[in-house]
Amino acid sequence: MPSPTPPPSRKKQLGRAFAWIGFLWLTGWVTLCLSEAIGWTDSLEGLQNGLLMGLIFSPLSLVVLIPFGGLGYLIGSLRGLRPWRRMISLSVPCLACMASLIPGIAERYNPGKRFSRITGVSLPAHSAELRHHFAGGLLRDRTEVYIFDSPAAETLLLIQALALERSQPPQLPLQLREGGGGLSPNLGTWQGLESWHSSGPGRFLNLYTDGDHARVYVISGSY
C-alpha cells in the first residue's frame, strides 16, 4: 500500500497563500487599467492613467476579489471538482472582473447610455451627428463632451429635464469662444448663443445651444 502524501509544510502553505493573493491583486490592477482604457476616448491615455492610479487603488480591489476567490474555493471543494479547486478559486474573481467591464464597453459604443447614466436624462430621441469625448477618472477630474444636432422642441425638453439655469449673458470659456478644433468648436459664431448650467457638489454641467436650438454642446465633469 502506498504511503499517504505528507501535507505541505507551513512555509509552503504561506507561499501559496501569498501567491494566491498576489494573483488577485494583479487581476485587480489589470482590470483597473482595462476599465480606464475603455472609459477614455483616448484609450492609450486612459491605460496610462490606469497603470499609474493602479498603484494606489488596486490593493483596494482585494476587498472584493478575496470573497469571490473564497466562493470559488468553496465551489472547487465540491465532489469531483477538488483537483481543480485552486484554479476555480482564481477563475471566479477573473470572471467577476471581466463582467465588471461589460457596462463600460457598452457605453463606449453607445455614448447615449453613458449620457443617461451621468445625467439621469436621455439624449433627444432625434439627435443626429453625435460626437463625444471622454477623459478623466480616479484622481483625475472627469470630463465628458457631447455635440449633436437636435430638433428645437427636443432641445428645450432636454434643458427642462436637466433642470438647467440660463446664464445671462452667456458664459463661454475662451477655448470655446475662439475654437480649438475637434470637440472645441468656435461657439462664438453660433447665432443667438444661449448658455445653460447646473452644478452640484463636485460636479458641473454646461449646455450651449444656438438661437434656433438646433445645435447643442454639452460638457459635464467633476472638479
Protein backbone atom coordinates (compact mmCIF):
# COMPACT_ATOMS: atom_id res chain seq x y z
CA MET A 1 0.00 0.00 0.00
CA PRO A 2 1.46 3.40 -0.97
CA SER A 3 2.22 5.73 1.90
CA PRO A 4 -0.04 8.83 2.18
CA THR A 5 1.26 12.05 0.74
CA PRO A 6 2.55 14.25 3.57
CA PRO A 7 0.80 17.61 3.95
CA PRO A 8 2.71 20.63 2.62
CA SER A 9 4.88 22.44 5.11
CA ARG A 10 3.63 25.64 6.74
CA LYS A 11 6.17 27.65 4.76
CA LYS A 12 4.87 26.19 1.51
CA GLN A 13 1.27 26.88 2.54
CA LEU A 14 2.12 30.53 3.29
CA GLY A 15 3.89 30.80 -0.06
CA ARG A 16 0.81 29.52 -1.86
CA ALA A 17 -1.42 31.93 0.05
CA PHE A 18 0.75 34.92 -0.83
CA ALA A 19 0.91 33.81 -4.45
CA TRP A 20 -2.90 33.49 -4.50
CA ILE A 21 -3.39 36.97 -3.05
CA GLY A 22 -0.74 38.37 -5.40
CA PHE A 23 -2.57 36.96 -8.40
CA LEU A 24 -5.82 38.57 -7.23
CA TRP A 25 -4.05 41.90 -6.72
CA LEU A 26 -2.59 41.71 -10.24
CA THR A 27 -6.02 40.81 -11.62
CA GLY A 28 -7.50 43.89 -9.96
CA TRP A 29 -4.76 46.11 -11.36
CA VAL A 30 -5.17 44.76 -14.91
CA THR A 31 -8.94 45.20 -14.64
CA LEU A 32 -8.49 48.78 -13.49
CA CYS A 33 -6.17 49.50 -16.43
CA LEU A 34 -8.63 47.99 -18.90
CA SER A 35 -11.53 49.89 -17.34
CA GLU A 36 -9.71 53.19 -17.76
CA ALA A 37 -8.65 52.35 -21.33
CA ILE A 38 -12.27 51.57 -22.19
CA GLY A 39 -13.67 54.61 -20.39
CA TRP A 40 -11.44 57.18 -22.12
CA THR A 41 -11.84 58.18 -25.76
CA ASP A 42 -8.04 58.13 -25.98
CA SER A 43 -7.51 54.54 -24.86
CA LEU A 44 -3.74 54.90 -24.55
CA GLU A 45 -4.07 57.88 -22.24
CA GLY A 46 -6.66 56.01 -20.22
CA LEU A 47 -4.36 52.99 -19.96
CA GLN A 48 -1.54 55.20 -18.70
CA ASN A 49 -3.86 56.66 -16.08
CA GLY A 50 -4.89 53.15 -15.02
CA LEU A 51 -1.29 51.98 -14.72
CA LEU A 52 -0.38 54.94 -12.53
CA MET A 53 -3.50 55.06 -10.39
CA GLY A 54 -3.48 51.28 -10.08
CA LEU A 55 -0.51 51.60 -7.73
CA ILE A 56 -2.85 53.38 -5.33
CA PHE A 57 -6.22 51.76 -5.90
CA SER A 58 -5.51 48.17 -6.96
CA PRO A 59 -4.87 46.92 -3.37
CA LEU A 60 -8.42 48.03 -2.55
CA SER A 61 -9.72 45.58 -5.14
CA LEU A 62 -8.72 42.76 -2.79
CA VAL A 63 -11.66 43.70 -0.57
CA VAL A 64 -13.94 42.49 -3.39
CA LEU A 65 -11.81 39.85 -5.06
CA ILE A 66 -10.85 37.81 -1.99
CA PRO A 67 -14.52 36.98 -1.20
CA PHE A 68 -15.01 35.95 -4.84
CA GLY A 69 -11.90 33.80 -4.51
CA GLY A 70 -13.34 32.24 -1.36
CA LEU A 71 -16.54 31.48 -3.22
CA GLY A 72 -14.52 29.81 -5.96
CA TYR A 73 -12.67 27.78 -3.33
CA LEU A 74 -15.98 26.55 -1.89
CA ILE A 75 -17.22 25.62 -5.37
CA GLY A 76 -13.96 23.80 -6.03
CA SER A 77 -14.40 21.85 -2.80
CA LEU A 78 -17.44 20.04 -4.22
CA ARG A 79 -17.02 16.40 -5.02
CA GLY A 80 -15.48 15.91 -8.43
CA LEU A 81 -14.05 19.45 -8.58
CA ARG A 82 -11.35 19.18 -5.93
CA PRO A 83 -8.47 18.58 -8.39
CA TRP A 84 -9.25 22.00 -9.89
CA ARG A 85 -10.06 23.80 -6.63
CA ARG A 86 -7.17 26.28 -6.84
CA MET A 87 -7.86 27.07 -10.48
CA ILE A 88 -11.55 27.61 -9.75
CA SER A 89 -10.71 29.88 -6.80
CA LEU A 90 -8.78 32.09 -9.24
CA SER A 91 -11.20 31.79 -12.16
CA VAL A 92 -14.24 33.12 -10.28
CA PRO A 93 -12.58 36.50 -9.43
CA CYS A 94 -11.34 36.75 -13.04
CA LEU A 95 -14.86 36.20 -14.36
CA ALA A 96 -16.19 38.84 -11.95
CA CYS A 97 -13.60 41.32 -13.24
CA MET A 98 -14.48 40.56 -16.84
CA ALA A 99 -18.17 41.07 -16.09
CA SER A 100 -17.42 44.46 -14.49
CA LEU A 101 -16.00 45.68 -17.83
CA ILE A 102 -19.17 44.95 -19.83
CA PRO A 103 -21.07 48.18 -18.93
CA GLY A 104 -18.06 50.29 -19.90
CA ILE A 105 -17.74 48.52 -23.25
CA ALA A 106 -21.46 49.04 -23.91
CA GLU A 107 -21.18 52.76 -23.10
CA ARG A 108 -18.11 53.17 -25.29
CA TYR A 109 -20.07 52.08 -28.35
CA ASN A 110 -23.33 53.68 -27.25
CA PRO A 111 -22.48 57.05 -25.70
CA GLY A 112 -26.16 57.76 -25.18
CA LYS A 113 -26.10 55.15 -22.40
CA ARG A 114 -23.29 56.99 -20.69
CA PHE A 115 -25.08 60.31 -21.05
CA SER A 116 -28.17 58.79 -19.41
CA ARG A 117 -26.13 57.31 -16.56
CA ILE A 118 -24.30 60.55 -15.84
CA THR A 119 -27.23 62.94 -16.15
CA GLY A 120 -30.24 60.71 -15.49
CA VAL A 121 -31.74 62.04 -18.74
CA SER A 122 -31.76 60.51 -22.22
CA LEU A 123 -30.35 62.26 -25.26
CA PRO A 124 -33.01 63.72 -27.57
CA ALA A 125 -34.69 60.91 -29.48
CA HIS A 126 -33.95 62.52 -32.85
CA SER A 127 -30.45 63.79 -32.13
CA ALA A 128 -28.04 63.44 -35.03
CA GLU A 129 -24.35 63.93 -35.88
CA LEU A 130 -23.40 62.92 -32.34
CA ARG A 131 -19.74 63.35 -31.41
CA HIS A 132 -18.32 62.75 -27.97
CA HIS A 133 -15.12 62.75 -25.95
CA PHE A 134 -14.49 61.16 -22.55
CA ALA A 135 -11.46 61.68 -20.32
CA GLY A 136 -10.53 61.54 -16.66
CA GLY A 137 -11.16 59.18 -13.80
CA LEU A 138 -9.91 58.07 -10.41
CA LEU A 139 -7.81 61.01 -9.12
CA ARG A 140 -8.06 62.96 -12.38
CA ASP A 141 -11.02 65.25 -12.98
CA ARG A 142 -13.56 63.62 -15.27
CA THR A 143 -14.74 65.49 -18.38
CA GLU A 144 -17.38 64.39 -20.87
CA VAL A 145 -18.33 66.28 -24.02
CA TYR A 146 -21.27 65.70 -26.36
CA ILE A 147 -22.00 67.64 -29.55
CA PHE A 148 -25.11 66.91 -31.60
CA ASP A 149 -27.90 68.37 -33.69
CA SER A 150 -31.42 68.19 -32.32
CA PRO A 151 -34.95 69.41 -33.13
CA ALA A 152 -35.63 72.63 -31.25
CA ALA A 153 -38.53 71.19 -29.25
CA GLU A 154 -36.38 68.27 -28.04
CA THR A 155 -33.52 70.59 -27.11
CA LEU A 156 -35.85 72.64 -24.93
CA LEU A 157 -37.21 69.45 -23.34
CA LEU A 158 -33.63 68.37 -22.60
CA ILE A 159 -32.86 71.71 -20.93
CA GLN A 160 -36.00 71.37 -18.84
CA ALA A 161 -35.27 67.74 -17.88
CA LEU A 162 -31.74 68.65 -16.79
CA ALA A 163 -33.14 71.48 -14.63
CA LEU A 164 -30.63 73.94 -16.06
CA GLU A 165 -30.45 77.65 -15.33
CA ARG A 166 -29.77 80.16 -18.10
CA SER A 167 -26.64 82.28 -17.83
CA GLN A 168 -27.14 85.94 -18.71
CA PRO A 169 -25.03 86.96 -20.55
CA PRO A 170 -23.80 83.61 -21.90
CA GLN A 171 -20.73 82.36 -20.04
CA LEU A 172 -18.34 80.99 -22.65
CA PRO A 173 -14.80 79.74 -21.88
CA LEU A 174 -12.04 81.17 -24.07
CA GLN A 175 -11.37 77.78 -25.70
CA LEU A 176 -14.97 77.53 -26.87
CA ARG A 177 -15.22 81.21 -27.77
CA GLU A 178 -12.25 81.08 -30.13
CA GLY A 179 -12.44 77.41 -31.08
CA GLY A 180 -9.80 74.78 -30.62
CA GLY A 181 -10.82 72.37 -33.36
CA GLY A 182 -12.21 68.89 -32.86
CA LEU A 183 -14.59 68.94 -29.92
CA SER A 184 -13.77 72.56 -29.08
CA PRO A 185 -15.73 74.35 -31.81
CA ASN A 186 -15.98 78.11 -32.13
CA LEU A 187 -19.26 78.57 -30.31
CA GLY A 188 -18.80 82.32 -30.60
CA THR A 189 -20.03 82.01 -34.20
CA TRP A 190 -23.33 80.42 -33.17
CA GLN A 191 -26.07 82.97 -33.77
CA GLY A 192 -28.12 83.78 -30.68
CA LEU A 193 -25.92 81.63 -28.46
CA GLU A 194 -27.53 80.52 -25.19
CA SER A 195 -25.65 79.20 -22.17
CA TRP A 196 -27.29 76.97 -19.56
CA HIS A 197 -25.71 75.45 -16.49
CA SER A 198 -26.16 73.44 -13.32
CA SER A 199 -23.77 72.44 -10.60
CA GLY A 200 -23.67 70.26 -7.56
CA PRO A 201 -21.11 69.08 -5.03
CA GLY A 202 -18.03 68.26 -7.07
CA ARG A 203 -19.83 68.23 -10.43
CA PHE A 204 -20.90 70.64 -13.16
CA LEU A 205 -22.86 70.54 -16.42
CA ASN A 206 -22.92 73.27 -19.05
CA LEU A 207 -25.11 73.26 -22.15
CA TYR A 208 -24.70 75.64 -25.09
CA THR A 209 -27.14 75.96 -27.96
CA ASP A 210 -27.72 78.36 -30.83
CA GLY A 211 -30.72 80.65 -31.12
CA ASP A 212 -32.62 78.06 -33.16
CA HIS A 213 -31.90 75.38 -30.54
CA ALA A 214 -30.76 73.13 -33.36
CA ARG A 215 -27.11 72.67 -32.34
CA VAL A 216 -26.14 71.54 -28.86
CA TYR A 217 -22.84 71.33 -27.00
CA VAL A 218 -22.85 69.66 -23.57
CA ILE A 219 -19.87 69.42 -21.25
CA SER A 220 -20.07 67.68 -17.90
CA GLY A 221 -17.44 66.79 -15.40
CA SER A 222 -16.08 66.68 -11.89
CA TYR A 223 -13.72 69.00 -10.04
